[in-house]
C-alpha atoms as a PDB file:
ATOM      1  CA  MET A   1       0.098  -0.089   0.002  1.00  0.00           C
ATOM      2  CA  ALA A   2       1.412   3.471  -0.904  1.00  0.00           C
ATOM      3  CA  THR A   3       1.931   5.770   1.855  1.00  0.00           C
ATOM      4  CA  LEU A   4       2.086   9.559   2.056  1.00  0.00           C
ATOM      5  CA  ASN A   5       5.932   9.403   1.770  1.00  0.00           C
ATOM      6  CA  HIS A   6       5.680   7.594  -1.571  1.00  0.00           C
ATOM      7  CA  TYR A   7       3.416  10.150  -3.063  1.00  0.00           C
ATOM      8  CA  LEU A   8       5.513  12.938  -1.688  1.00  0.00           C
ATOM      9  CA  LEU A   9       8.597  11.352  -3.162  1.00  0.00           C
ATOM     10  CA  VAL A  10       7.001  10.904  -6.518  1.00  0.00           C
ATOM     11  CA  SER A  11       5.854  14.614  -6.294  1.00  0.00           C
ATOM     12  CA  GLY A  12       9.393  15.804  -5.443  1.00  0.00           C
ATOM     13  CA  LEU A  13      10.926  13.907  -8.354  1.00  0.00           C
ATOM     14  CA  LEU A  14       8.354  15.300 -10.779  1.00  0.00           C
ATOM     15  CA  PHE A  15       9.013  18.564  -9.472  1.00  0.00           C
ATOM     16  CA  ALA A  16      12.904  18.292  -9.618  1.00  0.00           C
ATOM     17  CA  ILE A  17      12.587  17.049 -13.170  1.00  0.00           C
ATOM     18  CA  GLY A  18      10.402  20.189 -14.223  1.00  0.00           C
ATOM     19  CA  LEU A  19      12.749  22.488 -12.401  1.00  0.00           C
ATOM     20  CA  GLY A  20      15.817  20.851 -14.059  1.00  0.00           C
ATOM     21  CA  GLY A  21      13.930  21.388 -17.409  1.00  0.00           C
ATOM     22  CA  VAL A  22      13.342  25.000 -16.801  1.00  0.00           C
ATOM     23  CA  LEU A  23      16.770  25.716 -15.801  1.00  0.00           C
ATOM     24  CA  LEU A  24      18.752  23.684 -18.388  1.00  0.00           C
ATOM     25  CA  ARG A  25      16.558  23.713 -21.584  1.00  0.00           C
ATOM     26  CA  ARG A  26      16.565  26.466 -24.137  1.00  0.00           C
ATOM     27  CA  ASN A  27      13.526  25.862 -26.057  1.00  0.00           C
ATOM     28  CA  VAL A  28      10.458  27.984 -25.070  1.00  0.00           C
ATOM     29  CA  ILE A  29       7.903  25.309 -25.458  1.00  0.00           C
ATOM     30  CA  VAL A  30      10.072  22.689 -23.436  1.00  0.00           C
ATOM     31  CA  VAL A  31      10.403  25.280 -20.603  1.00  0.00           C
ATOM     32  CA  PHE A  32       6.686  25.747 -20.712  1.00  0.00           C
ATOM     33  CA  MET A  33       5.963  21.918 -20.579  1.00  0.00           C
ATOM     34  CA  CYS A  34       8.338  21.784 -17.737  1.00  0.00           C
ATOM     35  CA  LEU A  35       6.415  24.404 -15.738  1.00  0.00           C
ATOM     36  CA  GLU A  36       3.233  22.485 -16.223  1.00  0.00           C
ATOM     37  CA  LEU A  37       5.083  19.466 -14.946  1.00  0.00           C
ATOM     38  CA  MET A  38       5.962  21.441 -11.860  1.00  0.00           C
ATOM     39  CA  LEU A  39       2.283  22.517 -11.371  1.00  0.00           C
ATOM     40  CA  SER A  40       1.185  18.968 -11.700  1.00  0.00           C
ATOM     41  CA  ALA A  41       3.627  17.861  -8.976  1.00  0.00           C
ATOM     42  CA  ALA A  42       2.124  20.435  -6.787  1.00  0.00           C
ATOM     43  CA  ASN A  43      -1.354  19.141  -7.610  1.00  0.00           C
ATOM     44  CA  LEU A  44      -0.193  15.530  -6.802  1.00  0.00           C
ATOM     45  CA  THR A  45       1.089  16.908  -3.461  1.00  0.00           C
ATOM     46  CA  LEU A  46      -2.244  18.622  -2.727  1.00  0.00           C
ATOM     47  CA  VAL A  47      -4.204  15.426  -3.679  1.00  0.00           C
ATOM     48  CA  ALA A  48      -2.006  13.264  -1.354  1.00  0.00           C
ATOM     49  CA  PHE A  49      -2.339  15.517   1.628  1.00  0.00           C
ATOM     50  CA  ALA A  50      -5.947  15.543   1.078  1.00  0.00           C
ATOM     51  CA  ARG A  51      -6.176  11.741   1.006  1.00  0.00           C
ATOM     52  CA  PHE A  52      -4.126  11.236   3.999  1.00  0.00           C
ATOM     53  CA  ASN A  53      -5.746  14.010   6.108  1.00  0.00           C
ATOM     54  CA  THR A  54      -9.047  12.520   7.643  1.00  0.00           C
ATOM     55  CA  TYR A  55     -11.938  14.733   8.689  1.00  0.00           C
ATOM     56  CA  PHE A  56     -14.595  12.676  10.768  1.00  0.00           C
ATOM     57  CA  GLY A  57     -13.098   9.450   9.312  1.00  0.00           C
ATOM     58  CA  LEU A  58     -13.292  10.421   5.896  1.00  0.00           C
ATOM     59  CA  PRO A  59     -10.726  11.962   3.480  1.00  0.00           C
ATOM     60  CA  ASP A  60     -10.508  15.744   3.613  1.00  0.00           C
ATOM     61  CA  GLN A  61     -11.826  17.011   0.137  1.00  0.00           C
ATOM     62  CA  ARG A  62     -10.694  20.612   0.479  1.00  0.00           C
ATOM     63  CA  GLY A  63      -7.288  19.812  -1.155  1.00  0.00           C
ATOM     64  CA  GLN A  64      -8.887  18.095  -4.134  1.00  0.00           C
ATOM     65  CA  MET A  65     -11.231  21.073  -4.517  1.00  0.00           C
ATOM     66  CA  LEU A  66      -8.221  23.276  -4.571  1.00  0.00           C
ATOM     67  CA  VAL A  67      -6.713  21.134  -7.407  1.00  0.00           C
ATOM     68  CA  PHE A  68      -9.709  21.902  -9.542  1.00  0.00           C
ATOM     69  CA  PHE A  69      -9.015  25.586  -9.193  1.00  0.00           C
ATOM     70  CA  VAL A  70      -5.399  25.225  -9.949  1.00  0.00           C
ATOM     71  CA  ILE A  71      -6.290  22.980 -13.102  1.00  0.00           C
ATOM     72  CA  THR A  72      -8.690  25.833 -14.206  1.00  0.00           C
ATOM     73  CA  VAL A  73      -5.917  28.235 -13.822  1.00  0.00           C
ATOM     74  CA  ALA A  74      -3.464  26.178 -15.523  1.00  0.00           C
ATOM     75  CA  ALA A  75      -5.724  25.740 -18.645  1.00  0.00           C
ATOM     76  CA  ALA A  76      -5.975  29.664 -18.754  1.00  0.00           C
ATOM     77  CA  GLU A  77      -2.079  29.719 -18.390  1.00  0.00           C
ATOM     78  CA  VAL A  78      -1.674  27.358 -21.399  1.00  0.00           C
ATOM     79  CA  ALA A  79      -3.885  29.453 -23.452  1.00  0.00           C
ATOM     80  CA  VAL A  80      -2.216  32.688 -22.889  1.00  0.00           C
ATOM     81  CA  GLY A  81       1.359  31.041 -22.729  1.00  0.00           C
ATOM     82  CA  LEU A  82       0.835  29.482 -26.119  1.00  0.00           C
ATOM     83  CA  ALA A  83      -0.570  32.559 -27.577  1.00  0.00           C
ATOM     84  CA  ILE A  84       2.581  34.491 -26.411  1.00  0.00           C
ATOM     85  CA  ILE A  85       5.014  31.776 -27.669  1.00  0.00           C
ATOM     86  CA  ILE A  86       3.120  32.090 -31.139  1.00  0.00           C
ATOM     87  CA  ALA A  87       3.526  36.035 -31.199  1.00  0.00           C
ATOM     88  CA  LEU A  88       7.057  35.504 -30.280  1.00  0.00           C
ATOM     89  CA  TYR A  89       7.658  33.155 -33.058  1.00  0.00           C
ATOM     90  CA  ARG A  90       5.925  35.208 -35.582  1.00  0.00           C
ATOM     91  CA  THR A  91       7.939  38.417 -34.715  1.00  0.00           C
ATOM     92  CA  ARG A  92      11.301  36.856 -33.976  1.00  0.00           C
ATOM     93  CA  GLN A  93      11.201  33.579 -36.108  1.00  0.00           C
ATOM     94  CA  THR A  94      12.737  31.553 -33.007  1.00  0.00           C
ATOM     95  CA  ILE A  95      11.642  30.065 -29.972  1.00  0.00           C
ATOM     96  CA  HIS A  96      15.118  29.682 -28.436  1.00  0.00           C
ATOM     97  CA  THR A  97      15.398  31.568 -24.957  1.00  0.00           C
ATOM     98  CA  ASP A  98      18.885  32.782 -25.903  1.00  0.00           C
ATOM     99  CA  ASP A  99      17.693  34.714 -28.796  1.00  0.00           C
ATOM    100  CA  LEU A 100      14.812  36.185 -26.821  1.00  0.00           C
ATOM    101  CA  ASN A 101      16.826  38.227 -24.374  1.00  0.00           C
ATOM    102  CA  SER A 102      15.219  41.624 -24.919  1.00  0.00           C
ATOM    103  CA  LEU A 103      11.856  42.970 -25.210  1.00  0.00           C
ATOM    104  CA  LYS A 104      12.584  45.350 -27.862  1.00  0.00           C
ATOM    105  CA  HIS A 105      12.288  44.353 -31.555  1.00  0.00           C
END
């Protein structure tokens, strides 16, 4: 049976992989995907704590409700983020972070 420590270990590994991708990768789309991976790791942590925190003998559902709000915000973030990435590509013809070092054209 999986314990809270198992869930937190997997969440920590996902977060570390995402952080490594954000810090090491140079492609904007890969960095964006790694940010989403980090957000998923935080969601896993919230669900794990909600599962193992009991309230009158039942799992506490407040953490899982918070995850739904986080997923909603993440969906809006994806829409806006991809629109920004497309706009950057149309103006600069590149999606590498080394080439996108200034805000002026």
